[in-house]
N, C-alpha and C. Protein backbone atom coordinates (compact mmCIF):
# COMPACT_ATOMS: atom_id res chain seq x y z
N MET A 1 59.79 46.59 -18.68
CA MET A 1 60.78 45.82 -18.33
C MET A 1 61.31 44.83 -19.37
N PHE A 2 60.29 44.22 -19.93
CA PHE A 2 60.40 43.18 -21.02
C PHE A 2 61.33 43.80 -21.93
N GLN A 3 60.82 45.08 -22.45
CA GLN A 3 61.62 45.65 -23.61
C GLN A 3 63.08 45.99 -23.26
N LEU A 4 63.30 46.43 -21.91
CA LEU A 4 64.62 47.03 -21.31
C LEU A 4 65.65 45.60 -21.30
N ILE A 5 64.98 44.75 -20.91
CA ILE A 5 65.81 43.36 -21.15
C ILE A 5 66.23 42.61 -22.38
N PHE A 6 65.21 42.78 -23.29
CA PHE A 6 65.49 41.87 -24.57
C PHE A 6 65.80 43.06 -25.76
N SER A 7 66.10 44.41 -25.30
CA SER A 7 66.49 45.37 -26.51
C SER A 7 67.75 45.14 -26.77
N ASN A 8 68.69 44.76 -26.25
CA ASN A 8 70.19 44.32 -26.43
C ASN A 8 70.53 43.12 -26.19
N ILE A 9 71.63 42.82 -26.82
CA ILE A 9 72.19 41.53 -26.81
C ILE A 9 72.71 40.94 -25.17
N VAL A 10 73.31 41.92 -24.52
CA VAL A 10 73.72 41.97 -23.22
C VAL A 10 72.30 41.40 -22.14
N GLY A 11 71.30 42.07 -22.31
CA GLY A 11 70.14 41.71 -21.69
C GLY A 11 69.69 40.40 -22.03
N ILE A 12 69.66 39.81 -23.34
CA ILE A 12 69.36 38.65 -23.51
C ILE A 12 70.08 37.56 -22.82
N VAL A 13 71.58 37.94 -23.09
CA VAL A 13 72.45 36.78 -22.71
C VAL A 13 72.32 36.91 -21.14
N LEU A 14 72.17 37.90 -20.59
CA LEU A 14 72.07 38.07 -19.04
C LEU A 14 70.70 36.98 -18.54
N TYR A 15 69.70 37.35 -19.22
CA TYR A 15 68.46 36.66 -18.80
C TYR A 15 68.67 35.11 -19.25
N LEU A 16 69.29 34.76 -20.35
CA LEU A 16 69.41 33.28 -20.70
C LEU A 16 70.39 32.71 -19.57
N GLY A 17 71.48 33.48 -19.33
CA GLY A 17 72.27 32.80 -17.92
C GLY A 17 71.48 32.51 -16.60
N VAL A 18 70.59 33.78 -16.45
CA VAL A 18 69.93 33.46 -15.09
C VAL A 18 68.96 32.34 -15.14
N ILE A 19 68.13 32.26 -16.15
CA ILE A 19 67.14 31.27 -16.36
C ILE A 19 67.79 29.90 -16.39
N ASN A 20 68.92 29.74 -17.02
CA ASN A 20 69.54 28.54 -17.18
C ASN A 20 70.14 27.99 -15.77
N LEU A 21 70.68 29.03 -15.12
CA LEU A 21 71.04 28.71 -13.66
C LEU A 21 70.29 28.16 -12.83
N ILE A 22 68.84 28.87 -12.94
CA ILE A 22 67.72 28.47 -12.21
C ILE A 22 67.13 27.19 -12.40
N ALA A 23 67.00 26.73 -13.85
CA ALA A 23 66.57 25.51 -14.44
C ALA A 23 67.62 24.50 -13.95
N ALA A 24 68.76 24.68 -13.97
CA ALA A 24 69.75 23.64 -13.33
C ALA A 24 69.58 23.33 -11.94
N ALA A 25 69.58 24.59 -11.35
CA ALA A 25 69.26 24.00 -9.82
C ALA A 25 68.17 23.64 -9.32
N VAL A 26 67.10 23.88 -10.08
CA VAL A 26 65.69 23.35 -9.82
C VAL A 26 65.90 21.68 -10.17
N THR A 27 66.40 21.50 -11.45
CA THR A 27 66.47 20.04 -11.61
C THR A 27 67.32 19.32 -10.71
N VAL A 28 68.47 19.98 -10.23
CA VAL A 28 69.36 19.32 -9.24
C VAL A 28 68.44 19.13 -7.78
N TYR A 29 67.85 20.29 -7.20
CA TYR A 29 66.83 20.05 -6.23
C TYR A 29 65.66 18.89 -6.33
N ASP A 30 65.30 18.83 -7.62
CA ASP A 30 64.19 17.78 -7.87
C ASP A 30 64.99 16.34 -7.66
N LYS A 31 65.97 16.35 -7.96
CA LYS A 31 66.81 15.00 -8.10
C LYS A 31 66.80 14.53 -6.43
N LYS A 32 67.51 15.40 -5.87
CA LYS A 32 67.78 15.32 -4.29
C LYS A 32 66.32 15.02 -3.53
N GLN A 33 65.39 15.51 -3.69
CA GLN A 33 64.10 15.38 -3.44
C GLN A 33 63.45 13.89 -3.73
N ALA A 34 63.86 13.76 -5.00
CA ALA A 34 63.40 12.21 -5.35
C ALA A 34 64.12 11.14 -4.64
N ARG A 35 65.35 11.53 -4.37
CA ARG A 35 66.37 10.35 -3.69
C ARG A 35 65.76 10.48 -1.80
N ALA A 36 65.50 11.67 -1.53
CA ALA A 36 65.15 11.48 0.19
C ALA A 36 63.64 11.36 0.13
N HIS A 37 62.90 11.02 -1.05
CA HIS A 37 61.17 10.72 -1.01
C HIS A 37 60.73 12.22 -0.41
N GLY A 38 61.18 13.16 -0.56
CA GLY A 38 60.83 14.31 -0.30
C GLY A 38 59.63 14.89 -1.40
N ARG A 39 59.25 16.17 -1.35
CA ARG A 39 58.23 16.98 -2.02
C ARG A 39 59.03 17.21 -3.03
N ARG A 40 58.62 16.90 -4.25
CA ARG A 40 58.98 17.05 -5.58
C ARG A 40 58.74 18.17 -6.32
N VAL A 41 59.23 18.49 -7.09
CA VAL A 41 59.02 19.81 -8.25
C VAL A 41 57.84 19.36 -9.14
N PRO A 42 56.72 19.88 -9.22
CA PRO A 42 55.82 19.46 -10.33
C PRO A 42 56.36 19.39 -11.67
N GLU A 43 56.32 18.37 -12.71
CA GLU A 43 56.85 18.47 -13.90
C GLU A 43 56.25 19.85 -14.80
N LYS A 44 55.02 20.33 -14.57
CA LYS A 44 54.67 21.35 -15.06
C LYS A 44 55.70 22.55 -14.70
N ASN A 45 56.07 22.75 -13.52
CA ASN A 45 56.98 23.72 -13.29
C ASN A 45 58.52 23.46 -13.90
N LEU A 46 58.81 22.31 -14.04
CA LEU A 46 60.15 21.97 -14.99
C LEU A 46 59.93 22.41 -16.43
N PHE A 47 58.81 22.17 -16.81
CA PHE A 47 58.52 22.57 -18.39
C PHE A 47 58.47 23.94 -18.32
N THR A 48 57.88 24.84 -17.48
CA THR A 48 57.70 26.30 -17.41
C THR A 48 58.94 26.94 -17.51
N LEU A 49 59.97 26.35 -16.83
CA LEU A 49 61.45 26.88 -16.97
C LEU A 49 61.97 26.33 -17.89
N ALA A 50 61.75 25.42 -18.76
CA ALA A 50 62.17 25.31 -20.02
C ALA A 50 61.64 25.88 -21.06
N ILE A 51 60.41 26.21 -21.04
CA ILE A 51 59.73 27.32 -22.02
C ILE A 51 60.47 28.45 -21.90
N LEU A 52 60.57 28.83 -20.48
CA LEU A 52 61.20 30.40 -20.54
C LEU A 52 62.78 30.53 -20.82
N GLY A 53 63.03 29.54 -21.40
CA GLY A 53 64.65 29.44 -22.10
C GLY A 53 65.73 28.63 -21.29
N GLY A 54 65.21 27.85 -20.26
CA GLY A 54 66.40 27.11 -19.52
C GLY A 54 66.41 25.59 -19.93
N VAL A 55 65.79 25.29 -21.31
CA VAL A 55 66.18 23.94 -21.78
C VAL A 55 67.59 23.48 -22.10
N PRO A 56 68.51 24.32 -22.50
CA PRO A 56 69.97 23.80 -22.55
C PRO A 56 70.46 23.46 -21.15
N ALA A 57 70.28 24.14 -19.91
CA ALA A 57 70.91 23.58 -18.77
C ALA A 57 70.13 22.53 -18.30
N MET A 58 68.95 22.53 -18.64
CA MET A 58 68.02 21.26 -17.91
C MET A 58 68.41 20.18 -18.64
N LEU A 59 68.95 20.20 -20.11
CA LEU A 59 68.90 18.90 -20.69
C LEU A 59 70.45 18.32 -20.12
N VAL A 60 71.41 19.22 -20.18
CA VAL A 60 72.72 18.97 -19.68
C VAL A 60 72.68 18.25 -18.24
N THR A 61 72.14 19.09 -17.44
CA THR A 61 71.89 18.61 -16.21
C THR A 61 71.31 17.32 -15.92
N MET A 62 70.12 17.20 -16.64
CA MET A 62 69.52 15.75 -16.37
C MET A 62 70.36 14.69 -16.86
N HIS A 63 71.19 14.86 -17.92
CA HIS A 63 72.26 13.61 -18.35
C HIS A 63 73.27 13.58 -17.23
N ILE A 64 73.65 14.81 -16.83
CA ILE A 64 75.06 14.53 -15.83
C ILE A 64 74.46 14.05 -14.59
N ILE A 65 73.26 14.29 -13.97
CA ILE A 65 72.99 13.68 -12.66
C ILE A 65 72.03 12.56 -12.96
N ARG A 66 71.78 12.00 -14.35
CA ARG A 66 70.82 11.14 -14.60
C ARG A 66 69.48 11.20 -14.03
N HIS A 67 68.92 12.23 -14.14
CA HIS A 67 67.35 12.60 -13.67
C HIS A 67 66.51 12.62 -14.76
N LYS A 68 65.30 11.84 -14.69
CA LYS A 68 64.37 11.84 -15.66
C LYS A 68 64.95 11.45 -17.13
N THR A 69 66.04 10.76 -17.23
CA THR A 69 66.55 10.48 -18.58
C THR A 69 65.80 9.23 -19.05
N GLN A 70 64.79 8.61 -18.31
CA GLN A 70 64.06 7.58 -18.64
C GLN A 70 62.61 8.15 -19.10
N HIS A 71 62.22 9.17 -19.00
CA HIS A 71 61.14 9.79 -19.13
C HIS A 71 60.92 10.38 -20.43
N LYS A 72 60.33 9.69 -21.41
CA LYS A 72 60.21 10.09 -22.92
C LYS A 72 59.81 11.72 -22.94
N ARG A 73 58.82 11.80 -22.04
CA ARG A 73 58.17 13.36 -22.12
C ARG A 73 59.40 14.39 -22.08
N PHE A 74 60.36 14.20 -21.27
CA PHE A 74 61.51 15.00 -20.94
C PHE A 74 62.78 14.70 -22.12
N MET A 75 62.90 13.42 -22.56
CA MET A 75 64.21 13.21 -23.57
C MET A 75 63.45 13.57 -24.83
N LEU A 76 62.40 13.65 -25.11
CA LEU A 76 61.82 13.96 -26.58
C LEU A 76 61.30 15.10 -26.33
N GLY A 77 60.66 15.82 -25.30
CA GLY A 77 60.02 16.91 -25.43
C GLY A 77 60.82 18.19 -25.12
N LEU A 78 62.17 18.14 -24.44
CA LEU A 78 62.91 18.95 -24.42
C LEU A 78 63.78 19.43 -25.55
N PRO A 79 64.05 18.53 -26.09
CA PRO A 79 64.92 18.63 -27.45
C PRO A 79 64.16 19.22 -28.58
N LEU A 80 62.78 18.74 -28.51
CA LEU A 80 61.94 19.38 -29.52
C LEU A 80 61.45 20.87 -29.24
N LEU A 81 61.23 21.12 -27.75
CA LEU A 81 61.26 22.63 -27.61
C LEU A 81 62.32 23.47 -27.57
N LEU A 82 63.53 22.88 -27.58
CA LEU A 82 64.70 23.53 -27.82
C LEU A 82 64.69 23.85 -29.54
N LEU A 83 64.44 22.91 -30.06
CA LEU A 83 64.51 23.17 -31.44
C LEU A 83 63.27 24.13 -32.02
N ALA A 84 62.25 24.11 -31.34
CA ALA A 84 61.06 25.06 -31.93
C ALA A 84 61.66 26.43 -31.30
N GLN A 85 62.34 26.87 -30.19
CA GLN A 85 62.82 28.16 -29.69
C GLN A 85 63.76 28.49 -30.63
N LEU A 86 64.68 27.61 -31.24
CA LEU A 86 65.73 28.10 -32.02
C LEU A 86 65.09 28.54 -33.37
N ILE A 87 64.12 27.83 -33.90
CA ILE A 87 63.51 28.25 -35.05
C ILE A 87 62.58 29.28 -35.07
N ILE A 88 61.93 29.77 -33.73
CA ILE A 88 61.37 31.12 -33.65
C ILE A 88 62.46 32.31 -33.41
N VAL A 89 63.55 31.90 -32.77
CA VAL A 89 64.62 33.02 -32.84
C VAL A 89 65.01 33.23 -34.06
N ALA A 90 65.27 32.07 -35.08
CA ALA A 90 65.69 32.35 -36.33
C ALA A 90 64.88 33.25 -37.36
N LEU A 91 63.51 32.90 -37.08
CA LEU A 91 62.52 33.46 -37.83
C LEU A 91 62.45 34.97 -37.04
N LEU A 92 62.57 35.17 -36.22
CA LEU A 92 62.45 36.61 -35.75
C LEU A 92 63.38 37.46 -36.14
N TYR A 93 64.87 36.90 -36.04
CA TYR A 93 65.95 37.44 -36.48
C TYR A 93 65.95 37.61 -38.20
N ARG A 94 65.35 37.08 -38.94
CA ARG A 94 65.12 37.13 -40.28
C ARG A 94 64.31 38.05 -40.39
N ILE A 95 63.12 38.28 -39.92
CA ILE A 95 62.10 39.30 -40.02
C ILE A 95 62.85 40.52 -39.67
N ASN A 96 63.40 40.59 -38.71
CA ASN A 96 64.05 41.87 -38.30
C ASN A 96 65.33 42.39 -38.97
N HIS A 97 65.79 41.55 -39.80
CA HIS A 97 67.24 41.96 -40.38
C HIS A 97 66.93 41.99 -41.69
């Protein structure tokens, strides 16, 4: 399954689109739960979505809805994670081409 999804650009774009939609939706859900004093999404789950590729949508969503923007763990950690992911992709591309 992994090889099928990541073997071509269409699979990669589809995967990243889906994971970013999920990351944005979970971020919005967590904000709504915070306002309603409801059950929150654990931070480790938010970071897991980010690690899986949802950093771009999560960062944009957090800024738009002003959620966790005062938390250094997110405002420093997510951009650093995105940078690390971009470096890994660039290195993998360079190795394979």
